[in-house]
């Protein structure tokens, strides 16, 4: 793995850990925070895979736009399109007043993240 790819993975893992910690909070959980870190984890794994494959990308945060680029090197990741679109939409929603993520949505987002992370780590040889 290239050193910069490893940095993307380390940042993704930081978001994954934060997602997990916040997801276990009993008193006053921040479901918006959970979903933000879900989105960030997925984004960083997509960018890690693109970087590792020498596929250029810009500072885009739309997970499906990143997925469109990564499909050339990971065609099997098409199966994550619905999950990544869901997570991407949640991340936009939580940025605006009047919109809050509920426990059910946060749990679904975490499930999406765990599934995608597993595939990403496998593809990058980090599944140990």
N, C-alpha and C. Protein backbone atom coordinates (compact mmCIF):
# COMPACT_ATOMS: atom_id res chain seq x y z
N UNK A 1 0.85 -1.18 0.00
CA UNK A 1 0.00 0.00 0.00
C UNK A 1 0.90 1.24 0.00
N UNK A 2 0.53 2.22 -0.80
CA UNK A 2 1.28 3.47 -0.86
C UNK A 2 1.14 4.21 0.47
N UNK A 3 2.16 4.96 0.86
CA UNK A 3 2.07 5.71 2.12
C UNK A 3 0.86 6.65 2.20
N UNK A 4 0.54 7.34 1.11
CA UNK A 4 -0.60 8.26 1.15
C UNK A 4 -1.91 7.47 1.26
N UNK A 5 -1.98 6.31 0.64
CA UNK A 5 -3.16 5.47 0.78
C UNK A 5 -3.33 5.07 2.24
N UNK A 6 -2.21 4.71 2.87
CA UNK A 6 -2.25 4.33 4.28
C UNK A 6 -2.74 5.49 5.14
N UNK A 7 -2.40 6.72 4.77
CA UNK A 7 -2.90 7.88 5.52
C UNK A 7 -4.41 8.03 5.35
N UNK A 8 -4.91 7.82 4.12
CA UNK A 8 -6.36 7.86 3.91
C UNK A 8 -7.04 6.80 4.78
N UNK A 9 -6.47 5.60 4.80
CA UNK A 9 -7.05 4.51 5.59
C UNK A 9 -7.03 4.87 7.08
N UNK A 10 -5.94 5.44 7.56
CA UNK A 10 -5.85 5.81 8.97
C UNK A 10 -6.91 6.86 9.32
N UNK A 11 -7.12 7.82 8.43
CA UNK A 11 -8.15 8.84 8.68
C UNK A 11 -9.54 8.20 8.66
N UNK A 12 -9.77 7.27 7.73
CA UNK A 12 -11.05 6.57 7.67
C UNK A 12 -11.29 5.79 8.95
N UNK A 13 -10.25 5.14 9.44
CA UNK A 13 -10.38 4.36 10.67
C UNK A 13 -10.66 5.26 11.88
N UNK A 14 -10.10 6.45 11.87
CA UNK A 14 -10.41 7.41 12.93
C UNK A 14 -11.88 7.77 12.93
N UNK A 15 -12.44 8.00 11.74
CA UNK A 15 -13.88 8.29 11.64
C UNK A 15 -14.71 7.08 12.06
N UNK A 16 -14.25 5.89 11.67
CA UNK A 16 -14.97 4.67 12.05
C UNK A 16 -15.00 4.51 13.57
N UNK A 17 -13.88 4.77 14.22
CA UNK A 17 -13.81 4.66 15.67
C UNK A 17 -14.72 5.69 16.34
N UNK A 18 -14.71 6.91 15.84
CA UNK A 18 -15.58 7.96 16.40
C UNK A 18 -17.04 7.60 16.21
N UNK A 19 -17.39 7.09 15.04
CA UNK A 19 -18.75 6.64 14.78
C UNK A 19 -19.16 5.59 15.82
N UNK A 20 -18.29 4.63 16.06
CA UNK A 20 -18.60 3.57 17.01
C UNK A 20 -18.77 4.07 18.42
N UNK A 21 -17.87 4.95 18.84
CA UNK A 21 -17.98 5.50 20.20
C UNK A 21 -19.28 6.28 20.37
N UNK A 22 -19.56 7.17 19.44
CA UNK A 22 -20.77 7.99 19.56
C UNK A 22 -22.03 7.13 19.43
N UNK A 23 -21.94 6.07 18.64
CA UNK A 23 -23.08 5.17 18.48
C UNK A 23 -23.43 4.39 19.72
N UNK A 24 -22.50 4.31 20.67
CA UNK A 24 -22.75 3.58 21.93
C UNK A 24 -23.23 4.49 23.06
N UNK A 25 -23.28 5.77 22.83
CA UNK A 25 -23.69 6.72 23.87
C UNK A 25 -25.15 6.49 24.23
N UNK A 26 -25.43 6.43 25.52
CA UNK A 26 -26.79 6.22 26.00
C UNK A 26 -27.48 7.56 26.28
N UNK A 27 -26.80 8.43 27.01
CA UNK A 27 -27.38 9.72 27.38
C UNK A 27 -27.03 10.78 26.33
N UNK A 28 -28.08 11.34 25.74
CA UNK A 28 -27.93 12.43 24.78
C UNK A 28 -27.04 12.07 23.58
N UNK A 29 -27.35 10.99 22.88
CA UNK A 29 -26.54 10.61 21.72
C UNK A 29 -26.66 11.65 20.60
N UNK A 30 -25.59 11.80 19.86
CA UNK A 30 -25.55 12.73 18.73
C UNK A 30 -25.63 11.91 17.45
N UNK A 31 -26.84 11.63 16.99
CA UNK A 31 -27.01 10.82 15.79
C UNK A 31 -26.49 11.53 14.55
N UNK A 32 -26.57 12.86 14.54
CA UNK A 32 -25.98 13.62 13.43
C UNK A 32 -24.47 13.35 13.37
N UNK A 33 -23.83 13.34 14.53
CA UNK A 33 -22.39 13.07 14.59
C UNK A 33 -22.05 11.67 14.11
N UNK A 34 -22.86 10.70 14.48
CA UNK A 34 -22.66 9.34 14.00
C UNK A 34 -22.67 9.32 12.48
N UNK A 35 -23.69 9.95 11.90
CA UNK A 35 -23.84 9.93 10.44
C UNK A 35 -22.76 10.73 9.73
N UNK A 36 -22.31 11.81 10.34
CA UNK A 36 -21.21 12.57 9.77
C UNK A 36 -19.96 11.69 9.66
N UNK A 37 -19.66 10.95 10.71
CA UNK A 37 -18.47 10.11 10.70
C UNK A 37 -18.64 8.88 9.81
N UNK A 38 -19.85 8.40 9.66
CA UNK A 38 -20.12 7.34 8.68
C UNK A 38 -19.77 7.84 7.28
N UNK A 39 -20.28 9.02 6.94
CA UNK A 39 -20.02 9.59 5.62
C UNK A 39 -18.53 9.81 5.40
N UNK A 40 -17.87 10.36 6.41
CA UNK A 40 -16.44 10.64 6.29
C UNK A 40 -15.62 9.37 6.15
N UNK A 41 -15.97 8.33 6.87
CA UNK A 41 -15.28 7.05 6.76
C UNK A 41 -15.39 6.50 5.34
N UNK A 42 -16.61 6.47 4.81
CA UNK A 42 -16.82 5.95 3.46
C UNK A 42 -16.08 6.80 2.43
N UNK A 43 -16.16 8.11 2.57
CA UNK A 43 -15.49 9.02 1.63
C UNK A 43 -13.98 8.74 1.60
N UNK A 44 -13.39 8.59 2.77
CA UNK A 44 -11.95 8.40 2.84
C UNK A 44 -11.54 7.03 2.30
N UNK A 45 -12.37 6.01 2.49
CA UNK A 45 -12.05 4.71 1.90
C UNK A 45 -12.17 4.76 0.37
N UNK A 46 -13.17 5.47 -0.14
CA UNK A 46 -13.28 5.62 -1.60
C UNK A 46 -12.05 6.34 -2.15
N UNK A 47 -11.63 7.40 -1.48
CA UNK A 47 -10.47 8.15 -1.93
C UNK A 47 -9.18 7.35 -1.78
N UNK A 48 -9.09 6.52 -0.75
CA UNK A 48 -7.93 5.65 -0.59
C UNK A 48 -7.81 4.70 -1.77
N UNK A 49 -8.94 4.12 -2.16
CA UNK A 49 -8.91 3.17 -3.29
C UNK A 49 -8.56 3.87 -4.58
N UNK A 50 -9.13 5.05 -4.79
CA UNK A 50 -8.80 5.82 -5.99
C UNK A 50 -7.32 6.19 -6.01
N UNK A 51 -6.80 6.65 -4.89
CA UNK A 51 -5.40 7.02 -4.83
C UNK A 51 -4.51 5.81 -5.11
N UNK A 52 -4.83 4.69 -4.50
CA UNK A 52 -4.03 3.48 -4.69
C UNK A 52 -4.00 3.05 -6.15
N UNK A 53 -5.09 3.30 -6.87
CA UNK A 53 -5.19 2.91 -8.29
C UNK A 53 -4.73 4.03 -9.24
N UNK A 54 -4.20 5.11 -8.68
CA UNK A 54 -3.75 6.25 -9.49
C UNK A 54 -4.87 6.90 -10.30
N UNK A 55 -6.07 6.89 -9.74
CA UNK A 55 -7.21 7.54 -10.38
C UNK A 55 -7.38 8.92 -9.73
N UNK A 56 -7.22 9.99 -10.52
CA UNK A 56 -7.33 11.33 -9.93
C UNK A 56 -8.76 11.63 -9.46
N UNK A 57 -8.85 12.43 -8.43
CA UNK A 57 -10.15 12.86 -7.91
C UNK A 57 -9.99 14.25 -7.32
N UNK A 58 -11.10 14.95 -7.23
CA UNK A 58 -11.08 16.30 -6.67
C UNK A 58 -11.60 16.26 -5.23
N UNK A 59 -11.77 17.43 -4.65
CA UNK A 59 -12.25 17.53 -3.27
C UNK A 59 -13.78 17.43 -3.24
N UNK A 60 -14.28 16.37 -3.80
CA UNK A 60 -15.72 16.12 -3.82
C UNK A 60 -16.09 15.29 -2.59
N UNK A 61 -17.30 15.52 -2.09
CA UNK A 61 -17.75 14.79 -0.90
C UNK A 61 -18.94 13.88 -1.20
N UNK A 62 -19.44 13.92 -2.40
CA UNK A 62 -20.58 13.11 -2.83
C UNK A 62 -20.10 11.67 -3.03
N UNK A 63 -20.59 10.77 -2.20
CA UNK A 63 -20.12 9.39 -2.24
C UNK A 63 -20.44 8.69 -3.56
N UNK A 64 -21.57 8.99 -4.14
CA UNK A 64 -21.91 8.32 -5.41
C UNK A 64 -21.04 8.85 -6.55
N UNK A 65 -20.66 10.11 -6.50
CA UNK A 65 -19.75 10.65 -7.52
C UNK A 65 -18.38 9.97 -7.40
N UNK A 66 -17.92 9.76 -6.18
CA UNK A 66 -16.66 9.04 -5.98
C UNK A 66 -16.79 7.58 -6.42
N UNK A 67 -17.93 6.99 -6.10
CA UNK A 67 -18.17 5.60 -6.51
C UNK A 67 -18.12 5.48 -8.03
N UNK A 68 -18.69 6.45 -8.74
CA UNK A 68 -18.66 6.42 -10.21
C UNK A 68 -17.22 6.32 -10.72
N UNK A 69 -16.30 6.97 -10.05
CA UNK A 69 -14.89 6.92 -10.46
C UNK A 69 -14.23 5.60 -10.09
N UNK A 70 -14.58 5.05 -8.93
CA UNK A 70 -13.90 3.86 -8.43
C UNK A 70 -14.40 2.57 -9.10
N UNK A 71 -15.57 2.61 -9.70
CA UNK A 71 -16.15 1.42 -10.33
C UNK A 71 -15.22 0.81 -11.38
N UNK A 72 -14.42 1.63 -12.04
CA UNK A 72 -13.50 1.12 -13.06
C UNK A 72 -12.48 0.15 -12.45
N UNK A 73 -12.11 0.36 -11.20
CA UNK A 73 -11.12 -0.53 -10.56
C UNK A 73 -11.75 -1.51 -9.58
N UNK A 74 -12.96 -1.20 -9.13
CA UNK A 74 -13.68 -2.08 -8.20
C UNK A 74 -15.13 -2.24 -8.66
N UNK A 75 -15.35 -2.95 -9.76
CA UNK A 75 -16.73 -3.06 -10.28
C UNK A 75 -17.72 -3.67 -9.30
N UNK A 76 -17.25 -4.52 -8.41
CA UNK A 76 -18.13 -5.13 -7.42
C UNK A 76 -18.69 -4.14 -6.42
N UNK A 77 -18.09 -2.98 -6.32
CA UNK A 77 -18.57 -1.97 -5.38
C UNK A 77 -19.87 -1.32 -5.84
N UNK A 78 -20.29 -1.63 -7.05
CA UNK A 78 -21.60 -1.14 -7.51
C UNK A 78 -22.70 -1.58 -6.54
N UNK A 79 -22.49 -2.71 -5.90
CA UNK A 79 -23.49 -3.23 -4.95
C UNK A 79 -23.67 -2.31 -3.73
N UNK A 80 -22.76 -1.37 -3.54
CA UNK A 80 -22.85 -0.43 -2.41
C UNK A 80 -23.51 0.90 -2.79
N UNK A 81 -23.93 1.04 -4.04
CA UNK A 81 -24.45 2.33 -4.51
C UNK A 81 -25.63 2.81 -3.65
N UNK A 82 -26.59 1.97 -3.38
CA UNK A 82 -27.75 2.38 -2.60
C UNK A 82 -27.33 2.82 -1.19
N UNK A 83 -26.46 2.04 -0.56
CA UNK A 83 -25.99 2.39 0.78
C UNK A 83 -25.24 3.72 0.78
N UNK A 84 -24.34 3.89 -0.18
CA UNK A 84 -23.55 5.12 -0.23
C UNK A 84 -24.41 6.33 -0.55
N UNK A 85 -25.42 6.15 -1.39
CA UNK A 85 -26.35 7.26 -1.68
C UNK A 85 -27.12 7.64 -0.42
N UNK A 86 -27.55 6.65 0.33
CA UNK A 86 -28.28 6.89 1.57
C UNK A 86 -27.41 7.69 2.55
N UNK A 87 -26.19 7.25 2.73
CA UNK A 87 -25.27 7.91 3.65
C UNK A 87 -24.96 9.33 3.18
N UNK A 88 -24.75 9.49 1.90
CA UNK A 88 -24.46 10.81 1.34
C UNK A 88 -25.63 11.77 1.56
N UNK A 89 -26.84 11.29 1.32
CA UNK A 89 -28.04 12.11 1.53
C UNK A 89 -28.19 12.50 3.01
N UNK A 90 -27.93 11.58 3.92
CA UNK A 90 -28.01 11.89 5.34
C UNK A 90 -27.02 12.98 5.72
N UNK A 91 -25.82 12.91 5.16
CA UNK A 91 -24.79 13.89 5.49
C UNK A 91 -25.20 15.29 5.06
N UNK A 92 -25.91 15.40 3.96
CA UNK A 92 -26.40 16.71 3.51
C UNK A 92 -27.52 17.17 4.44
N UNK A 93 -28.43 16.28 4.77
CA UNK A 93 -29.57 16.60 5.63
C UNK A 93 -29.12 17.14 6.98
N UNK A 94 -28.14 16.50 7.59
CA UNK A 94 -27.76 16.88 8.95
C UNK A 94 -27.05 18.23 9.02
N UNK A 95 -26.69 18.79 7.90
CA UNK A 95 -26.02 20.09 7.89
C UNK A 95 -26.97 21.27 8.01
N UNK A 96 -28.27 21.03 7.97
CA UNK A 96 -29.22 22.13 7.96
C UNK A 96 -30.12 22.11 9.19
N UNK A 97 -30.38 23.30 9.75
CA UNK A 97 -31.30 23.38 10.89
C UNK A 97 -32.68 22.84 10.52
N UNK A 98 -33.35 22.31 11.51
CA UNK A 98 -34.69 21.78 11.28
C UNK A 98 -34.69 20.33 10.85
N UNK A 99 -33.54 19.80 10.56
CA UNK A 99 -33.41 18.40 10.15
C UNK A 99 -32.52 17.68 11.16
N UNK A 100 -33.02 16.58 11.67
CA UNK A 100 -32.24 15.80 12.63
C UNK A 100 -32.28 14.33 12.21
N UNK A 101 -31.21 13.65 12.44
CA UNK A 101 -31.15 12.22 12.17
C UNK A 101 -31.66 11.49 13.40
N UNK A 102 -32.50 10.49 13.19
CA UNK A 102 -33.02 9.73 14.33
C UNK A 102 -32.20 8.45 14.54
N UNK A 103 -32.50 7.75 15.61
CA UNK A 103 -31.75 6.55 15.99
C UNK A 103 -31.80 5.48 14.90
N UNK A 104 -32.97 5.29 14.31
CA UNK A 104 -33.11 4.27 13.27
C UNK A 104 -32.24 4.58 12.05
N UNK A 105 -32.24 5.84 11.63
CA UNK A 105 -31.41 6.24 10.48
C UNK A 105 -29.93 6.09 10.80
N UNK A 106 -29.54 6.47 12.01
CA UNK A 106 -28.13 6.35 12.41
C UNK A 106 -27.70 4.88 12.44
N UNK A 107 -28.57 4.02 12.93
CA UNK A 107 -28.25 2.59 12.96
C UNK A 107 -28.10 2.03 11.55
N UNK A 108 -28.99 2.42 10.67
CA UNK A 108 -28.88 1.97 9.26
C UNK A 108 -27.58 2.49 8.64
N UNK A 109 -27.24 3.74 8.90
CA UNK A 109 -26.01 4.32 8.35
C UNK A 109 -24.79 3.55 8.86
N UNK A 110 -24.79 3.20 10.15
CA UNK A 110 -23.68 2.44 10.71
C UNK A 110 -23.56 1.07 10.03
N UNK A 111 -24.68 0.44 9.79
CA UNK A 111 -24.67 -0.86 9.11
C UNK A 111 -24.07 -0.71 7.71
N UNK A 112 -24.50 0.32 6.99
CA UNK A 112 -23.96 0.59 5.64
C UNK A 112 -22.44 0.77 5.71
N UNK A 113 -22.01 1.53 6.69
CA UNK A 113 -20.59 1.82 6.85
C UNK A 113 -19.79 0.55 7.12
N UNK A 114 -20.27 -0.26 8.02
CA UNK A 114 -19.55 -1.49 8.36
C UNK A 114 -19.40 -2.41 7.15
N UNK A 115 -20.47 -2.54 6.38
CA UNK A 115 -20.41 -3.39 5.18
C UNK A 115 -19.40 -2.85 4.17
N UNK A 116 -19.49 -1.53 3.91
CA UNK A 116 -18.60 -0.94 2.92
C UNK A 116 -17.15 -0.96 3.41
N UNK A 117 -16.93 -0.64 4.66
CA UNK A 117 -15.57 -0.65 5.23
C UNK A 117 -14.93 -2.02 5.07
N UNK A 118 -15.68 -3.06 5.34
CA UNK A 118 -15.14 -4.42 5.21
C UNK A 118 -14.64 -4.68 3.79
N UNK A 119 -15.45 -4.31 2.80
CA UNK A 119 -15.06 -4.51 1.40
C UNK A 119 -13.86 -3.64 1.04
N UNK A 120 -13.86 -2.40 1.51
CA UNK A 120 -12.76 -1.49 1.20
C UNK A 120 -11.45 -1.99 1.81
N UNK A 121 -11.50 -2.43 3.04
CA UNK A 121 -10.30 -2.94 3.70
C UNK A 121 -9.78 -4.18 2.99
N UNK A 122 -10.68 -5.04 2.57
CA UNK A 122 -10.27 -6.23 1.82
C UNK A 122 -9.57 -5.83 0.53
N UNK A 123 -10.17 -4.89 -0.21
CA UNK A 123 -9.61 -4.45 -1.49
C UNK A 123 -8.23 -3.80 -1.32
N UNK A 124 -8.04 -3.14 -0.20
CA UNK A 124 -6.77 -2.44 0.04
C UNK A 124 -5.75 -3.31 0.79
N UNK A 125 -6.13 -4.54 1.11
CA UNK A 125 -5.23 -5.42 1.82
C UNK A 125 -5.06 -5.04 3.28
N UNK A 126 -6.09 -4.39 3.85
CA UNK A 126 -6.03 -3.94 5.26
C UNK A 126 -7.01 -4.71 6.13
N UNK A 127 -7.46 -5.85 5.69
CA UNK A 127 -8.53 -6.55 6.40
C UNK A 127 -8.02 -7.43 7.55
N UNK A 128 -6.87 -7.15 8.02
CA UNK A 128 -6.31 -7.93 9.13
C UNK A 128 -6.85 -7.46 10.44
